[in-house]
Protein backbone atom coordinates (compact mmCIF):
# COMPACT_ATOMS: atom_id res chain seq x y z
CA ASN A 1 -3.50 5.99 -7.05
CA ALA A 2 -5.03 2.90 -4.58
CA ILE A 3 -8.61 3.14 -6.10
CA ARG A 4 -7.40 3.55 -10.17
CA HIS A 5 -4.23 0.90 -9.66
CA GLY A 6 -5.01 -0.70 -6.16
CA ILE A 7 -3.48 -0.99 -2.60
CA PRO A 8 0.12 -2.02 -3.14
CA VAL A 9 0.76 -5.32 -1.40
CA ALA A 10 4.54 -6.84 -1.07
CA ILE A 11 4.41 -10.54 -0.42
CA VAL A 12 7.93 -10.89 0.88
CA GLY A 13 10.36 -13.33 2.58
CA ALA A 14 13.28 -15.76 2.61
CA PRO A 15 13.56 -18.30 -0.48
CA ASN A 16 10.70 -20.85 -0.86
CA VAL A 17 8.41 -19.88 1.55
CA GLY A 18 5.93 -20.19 -0.63
CA LYS A 19 5.84 -16.49 -1.74
CA SER A 20 4.94 -17.07 -5.01
CA THR A 21 2.50 -20.28 -4.43
CA LEU A 22 0.91 -17.52 -2.18
CA LEU A 23 0.12 -15.46 -5.08
CA ASN A 24 -1.12 -18.02 -7.30
CA ALA A 25 -3.28 -19.35 -4.44
CA LEU A 26 -4.50 -15.25 -4.15
CA LEU A 27 -5.27 -14.55 -8.18
CA GLY A 28 -6.66 -18.52 -8.63
CA GLU A 29 -3.94 -18.75 -11.47
CA GLN A 30 -0.65 -19.78 -12.11
CA ARG A 31 0.64 -16.45 -12.63
CA ALA A 32 4.46 -17.28 -10.81
CA ILE A 33 6.59 -20.19 -11.34
CA VAL A 34 6.88 -22.49 -8.73
CA SER A 35 10.01 -24.49 -7.83
CA ASP A 36 12.00 -25.98 -4.99
CA ILE A 37 15.14 -24.24 -6.22
CA GLN A 38 16.40 -21.18 -4.48
CA GLY A 39 16.36 -17.90 -6.08
CA THR A 40 13.68 -19.35 -8.97
CA THR A 41 12.01 -15.76 -8.83
CA ARG A 42 14.71 -13.25 -9.79
CA ASP A 43 12.27 -10.20 -10.44
CA THR A 44 8.73 -9.00 -9.06
CA ILE A 45 5.63 -9.96 -10.49
CA GLU A 46 2.70 -7.88 -9.74
CA ASP A 47 -1.08 -8.70 -10.52
CA THR A 48 -4.20 -6.82 -9.40
CA LEU A 49 -7.15 -9.19 -7.32
CA ILE A 50 -10.68 -7.53 -5.87
CA LEU A 51 -11.85 -8.60 -2.59
CA ASP A 52 -15.19 -7.55 -1.21
CA GLY A 53 -15.20 -5.07 -3.42
CA ILE A 54 -11.39 -3.34 -2.83
CA LEU A 55 -8.70 -3.66 -5.73
CA PHE A 56 -5.21 -5.01 -4.16
CA ARG A 57 -1.87 -4.67 -6.36
CA LEU A 58 -0.28 -8.14 -5.42
CA ILE A 59 3.75 -7.92 -5.71
CA ASP A 60 5.28 -11.21 -5.39
CA THR A 61 8.97 -10.36 -4.55
CA ALA A 62 12.40 -12.38 -5.11
CA GLY A 63 13.33 -14.36 -1.73
CA ILE A 64 15.82 -11.98 0.49
CA ARG A 65 18.79 -13.86 1.13
CA GLU A 66 22.87 -13.47 0.79
CA THR A 67 24.02 -14.50 -2.36
CA ASP A 68 26.82 -13.85 -4.90
CA ASP A 69 24.66 -14.62 -7.98
CA THR A 70 24.52 -10.82 -9.64
CA ILE A 71 21.03 -11.40 -10.85
CA GLU A 72 19.47 -12.94 -7.76
CA ASN A 73 20.85 -9.32 -6.33
CA MET A 74 19.06 -7.75 -8.62
CA GLY A 75 15.71 -9.20 -7.61
CA ILE A 76 16.09 -8.78 -3.95
CA GLU A 77 17.18 -4.90 -4.55
CA ARG A 78 13.80 -4.73 -6.62
CA SER A 79 12.28 -6.72 -3.13
CA ARG A 80 13.65 -3.86 -1.42
CA LYS A 81 11.99 -1.27 -3.52
CA ALA A 82 8.45 -3.11 -3.67
CA ILE A 83 8.41 -3.20 0.15
CA GLU A 84 9.39 0.55 0.16
CA ARG A 85 6.12 1.74 -2.29
CA ALA A 86 4.01 -1.12 -1.08
CA GLN A 87 0.91 -0.33 1.79
CA ILE A 88 0.78 -3.30 3.23
CA VAL A 89 3.65 -5.86 3.54
CA VAL A 90 2.94 -9.62 3.67
CA HIS A 91 6.00 -11.30 5.62
CA VAL A 92 5.91 -15.12 4.65
CA LYS A 93 7.70 -17.42 6.90
CA GLU A 94 7.99 -21.24 6.90
CA PRO A 95 6.54 -22.76 10.58
CA ASN A 96 10.63 -22.87 12.03
CA PRO A 97 12.00 -19.50 10.36
CA ASP A 98 15.82 -19.55 10.38
CA PRO A 99 16.09 -16.44 12.76
CA SER A 100 19.50 -15.72 10.72
CA LEU A 101 17.98 -15.23 7.49
CA ARG A 102 18.09 -11.28 6.36
CA GLY A 103 15.51 -9.15 5.61
CA ARG A 104 13.89 -8.54 8.78
CA GLU A 105 14.88 -4.58 8.99
CA LEU A 106 13.62 -3.62 5.38
CA ILE A 107 10.24 -5.08 6.42
CA GLU A 108 9.78 -3.57 10.34
CA ILE A 109 10.49 0.10 8.46
CA LYS A 110 6.63 -0.51 7.44
CA GLU A 111 3.54 0.39 9.83
CA THR A 112 1.19 -2.41 8.27
CA VAL A 113 2.91 -6.01 8.37
CA ILE A 114 0.82 -8.70 7.84
CA GLU A 115 2.99 -11.89 9.50
CA VAL A 116 2.01 -15.35 7.52
CA VAL A 117 3.34 -18.67 8.48
CA ASN A 118 2.73 -20.82 5.62
CA LYS A 119 2.77 -24.94 4.78
CA CYS A 120 0.76 -25.58 7.90
CA ASP A 121 -0.72 -28.24 6.26
CA LEU A 122 2.81 -30.37 6.93
CA ILE A 123 3.10 -29.65 10.82
CA LYS A 124 -0.54 -30.30 12.15
CA GLY A 125 -1.15 -29.22 15.79
CA VAL A 126 2.19 -26.79 16.07
CA SER A 127 1.78 -23.33 16.56
CA PRO A 128 3.63 -20.52 15.01
CA GLN A 129 6.67 -18.91 16.24
CA GLY A 130 6.92 -15.03 17.48
CA GLU A 131 4.15 -12.84 17.62
CA THR A 132 3.46 -9.43 15.44
CA ASN A 133 2.12 -6.23 17.08
CA GLY A 134 0.58 -8.03 20.33
CA SER A 135 -1.16 -10.93 18.12
CA ARG A 136 -0.11 -14.42 16.64
CA PRO A 137 0.72 -14.53 12.67
CA LEU A 138 -1.90 -16.22 10.45
CA LEU A 139 -1.58 -19.95 9.64
CA ILE A 140 -2.23 -20.96 5.81
CA SER A 141 -1.31 -23.47 3.69
CA ALA A 142 -0.89 -21.57 -0.01
CA LYS A 143 -0.32 -24.96 -1.58
CA ILE A 144 -4.28 -26.29 -0.63
CA ASN A 145 -5.26 -22.83 -0.70
CA ASP A 146 -6.21 -22.75 2.81
CA ILE A 147 -5.66 -18.63 3.03
CA GLU A 148 -9.12 -17.27 3.83
CA PRO A 149 -8.01 -15.72 6.98
CA LEU A 150 -5.38 -13.89 4.46
CA LYS A 151 -8.18 -12.22 2.55
CA GLN A 152 -10.36 -11.42 5.74
CA GLU A 153 -7.04 -9.62 7.23
CA LEU A 154 -6.50 -7.60 3.82
CA VAL A 155 -9.78 -6.76 3.65
CA ARG A 156 -9.90 -5.70 7.39
CA ILE A 157 -6.79 -3.50 6.96
CA ALA A 158 -7.95 -2.09 3.60
CA LYS A 159 -11.96 -0.98 5.47
CA ALA A 160 -10.06 0.56 8.44
CA SER A 161 -7.71 2.58 6.37
CA MET A 162 -10.71 4.23 4.57
CA SER A 163 -12.88 6.81 6.31
CA THR A 164 -16.45 7.18 4.89
CA SER A 165 -16.82 10.80 6.22
CA ALA A 166 -13.33 11.47 4.58
CA VAL A 167 -13.70 13.82 1.26
CA MET A 168 -11.13 12.28 -1.43
CA LEU A 169 -9.69 14.77 -4.46
CA SER A 170 -8.98 12.47 -7.37
CA ASN A 171 -7.93 15.64 -9.08
CA ALA A 172 -5.02 17.55 -9.00
CA ARG A 173 -6.76 20.97 -10.04
CA HIS A 174 -8.95 20.56 -6.88
CA TYR A 175 -5.96 19.49 -4.68
CA GLU A 176 -4.38 22.37 -5.33
CA ALA A 177 -7.29 24.69 -4.93
CA VAL A 178 -7.77 23.35 -1.73
CA VAL A 179 -4.44 23.60 -0.63
CA ARG A 180 -4.98 27.58 -1.42
CA ALA A 181 -7.79 27.48 0.90
CA HIS A 182 -5.89 26.42 3.66
CA SER A 183 -3.09 28.66 3.35
CA ALA A 184 -5.97 31.25 2.91
CA ILE A 185 -7.31 30.20 6.21
CA GLU A 186 -4.73 30.12 8.00
CA ARG A 187 -3.70 33.43 7.39
CA VAL A 188 -7.35 34.53 8.55
CA GLN A 189 -6.42 33.25 11.80
CA GLU A 190 -3.45 34.54 12.23
CA GLY A 191 -4.97 38.04 11.61
CA LEU A 192 -7.38 37.24 14.14
CA VAL A 193 -4.66 36.72 17.04
CA ALA A 194 -2.70 39.48 15.56
CA GLY A 195 -5.48 41.53 15.91
CA LEU A 196 -5.67 43.03 12.21
CA SER A 197 -8.67 44.84 11.13
CA GLY A 198 -11.64 42.99 9.10
CA GLU A 199 -11.29 44.75 5.60
CA LEU A 200 -7.49 42.85 5.77
CA LEU A 201 -8.88 39.54 6.59
CA SER A 202 -12.05 39.86 4.20
CA LEU A 203 -8.99 39.78 1.58
CA ASP A 204 -7.49 36.32 2.68
CA LEU A 205 -11.12 35.43 3.00
CA HIS A 206 -12.05 36.06 -0.17
CA ASP A 207 -8.93 34.11 -1.87
CA CYS A 208 -10.05 30.78 0.51
CA LEU A 209 -13.85 31.47 -0.93
CA ASN A 210 -12.14 31.64 -4.59
CA ALA A 211 -10.28 28.53 -4.29
CA LEU A 212 -13.29 26.63 -2.72
CA GLY A 213 -15.16 27.65 -5.69
CA GLU A 214 -12.99 26.30 -8.46
CA VAL A 215 -13.78 22.58 -6.92
CA THR A 216 -17.64 23.53 -6.54
CA GLY A 217 -17.95 25.34 -9.78
CA GLN A 218 -18.88 28.44 -8.70
CA ILE A 219 -15.68 30.02 -9.99
CA THR A 220 -14.69 29.64 -13.31
CA ASN A 221 -12.41 32.10 -14.47
CA GLN A 222 -10.33 31.76 -17.52
CA GLU A 223 -6.76 30.46 -16.33
CA VAL A 224 -9.35 27.55 -14.79
CA LEU A 225 -11.19 27.34 -18.17
CA SER A 226 -8.32 26.93 -19.76
CA ASN A 227 -6.57 24.27 -17.98
CA ILE A 228 -9.79 22.66 -18.40
CA PHE A 229 -9.79 22.32 -21.74
CA SER A 230 -6.29 21.84 -22.15
CA LYS A 231 -6.92 18.46 -20.74
CA PHE A 232 -9.17 17.31 -23.86
CA CYS A 233 -6.87 18.33 -26.63
């Protein structure tokens, strides 16, 4: 899913911290409306970006805050759902964030959060407040397109999550076959511990080989062929 649609990256934070400006800076175009009025972004905005050959799906979200506006609350709820489905969360803050703002509990559920302090062009020489996982937040300014540290961090995290030695299955039929093979091998291991005879173990080994054969193409039974050709009709 990540290869086809991009690694989902949710840009979240309080209103007016520069989330939409950051999205536009990353994309290099005015994709989202930018305004000083709080609550301008009422819905999530998605677009894709390629960095170092890796496809990212950026999701700009509504600012998370307490409000009585029904429509804005709907947008905030969509922000919550975007955080849940994101693989990476970019938490955008101002240099001196308001500690009373809500939303931190939503972000803390994610393992991969990039803390970003935006608008640093306005306060030269001021260090960011707080730390994340023992490291200081990234200093950027989306307004003047000084966002290279964030781009580098996105690429670093994406590459760290990809193992060159791993086998990736992008076909549902292959995945099901490997699951069956794994189950068969587990039965063989249990049989060895239980001291079953070779004849009984060979049945599970045969099931495992058949399942793997469906992936390698060595086994092409009628059911598999019917499944394959049904996708062309």
